């Protein structure tokens, strides 16, 4: 079965255990005004989520050279 039960096409042909999470929170700071770093457990890409109250924004976390930050999995 593919992600969201759709036909297998392109890079969206992903399968992983039912009890695992695709996105994992790696860092959190603040409560009403803060930021979080989320990691895609399939690709390793890091995302920065900044929020104030009930609004916020999500973007790819970039290194100083403008490339996406990619985490590697360590067992």
Protein backbone atom coordinates (compact mmCIF):
# COMPACT_ATOMS: atom_id res chain seq x y z
CA UNK A 1 0.00 0.00 0.00
CA UNK A 2 1.37 3.43 -0.89
CA UNK A 3 1.21 6.67 1.07
CA UNK A 4 -2.41 7.92 1.32
CA UNK A 5 -3.64 4.86 -0.61
CA UNK A 6 -2.90 6.51 -3.99
CA UNK A 7 -1.35 4.78 -7.00
CA UNK A 8 2.43 4.35 -6.86
CA UNK A 9 3.95 7.25 -8.83
CA UNK A 10 7.29 9.04 -8.68
CA UNK A 11 8.92 9.64 -5.31
CA UNK A 12 5.66 9.12 -3.44
CA UNK A 13 5.98 5.34 -3.45
CA UNK A 14 6.80 5.24 0.26
CA UNK A 15 6.05 2.50 2.74
CA UNK A 16 6.97 2.49 6.41
CA UNK A 17 5.60 0.84 9.54
CA UNK A 18 2.12 1.89 10.62
CA UNK A 19 3.25 2.95 14.11
CA UNK A 20 6.16 5.16 12.93
CA UNK A 21 5.94 8.91 12.37
CA UNK A 22 6.96 10.60 9.12
CA UNK A 23 7.93 13.85 10.88
CA UNK A 24 9.76 13.94 14.21
CA UNK A 25 10.22 17.05 16.37
CA UNK A 26 13.96 17.47 16.98
CA UNK A 27 13.97 20.84 18.79
CA UNK A 28 11.49 23.16 20.48
CA UNK A 29 11.87 26.65 21.97
CA UNK A 30 9.18 28.94 23.41
CA UNK A 31 5.48 28.48 24.07
CA UNK A 32 3.40 31.35 22.64
CA UNK A 33 6.24 32.71 20.50
CA UNK A 34 8.78 30.15 19.43
CA UNK A 35 10.27 27.81 16.93
CA UNK A 36 10.59 24.10 16.31
CA UNK A 37 12.77 21.97 14.06
CA UNK A 38 11.06 18.99 12.46
CA UNK A 39 12.90 16.20 10.63
CA UNK A 40 11.39 14.15 7.80
CA UNK A 41 12.22 10.58 8.84
CA UNK A 42 12.17 9.38 5.23
CA UNK A 43 14.35 12.01 3.54
CA UNK A 44 16.21 13.46 6.55
CA UNK A 45 15.37 17.03 5.47
CA UNK A 46 15.03 19.51 8.39
CA UNK A 47 12.21 22.07 8.54
CA UNK A 48 11.97 25.21 10.68
CA UNK A 49 8.52 26.05 12.06
CA UNK A 50 8.18 29.52 13.63
CA UNK A 51 4.98 30.43 15.45
CA UNK A 52 3.41 33.34 17.32
CA UNK A 53 0.11 32.61 19.05
CA UNK A 54 -2.09 30.68 16.65
CA UNK A 55 -0.22 31.55 13.44
CA UNK A 56 3.04 30.27 12.04
CA UNK A 57 5.12 29.35 9.06
CA UNK A 58 7.14 26.37 7.88
CA UNK A 59 10.24 26.42 5.68
CA UNK A 60 13.16 24.20 4.80
CA UNK A 61 16.08 24.78 7.20
CA UNK A 62 19.13 25.94 5.22
CA UNK A 63 22.83 25.88 6.07
CA UNK A 64 25.10 28.91 5.60
CA UNK A 65 25.63 27.99 1.91
CA UNK A 66 21.89 27.93 1.20
CA UNK A 67 21.59 24.13 0.99
CA UNK A 68 18.92 22.18 2.89
CA UNK A 69 20.05 20.70 6.21
CA UNK A 70 19.78 16.89 5.99
CA UNK A 71 20.07 14.71 9.08
CA UNK A 72 21.49 11.22 8.93
CA UNK A 73 20.07 8.37 10.95
CA UNK A 74 22.35 6.83 13.55
CA UNK A 75 21.51 3.43 15.01
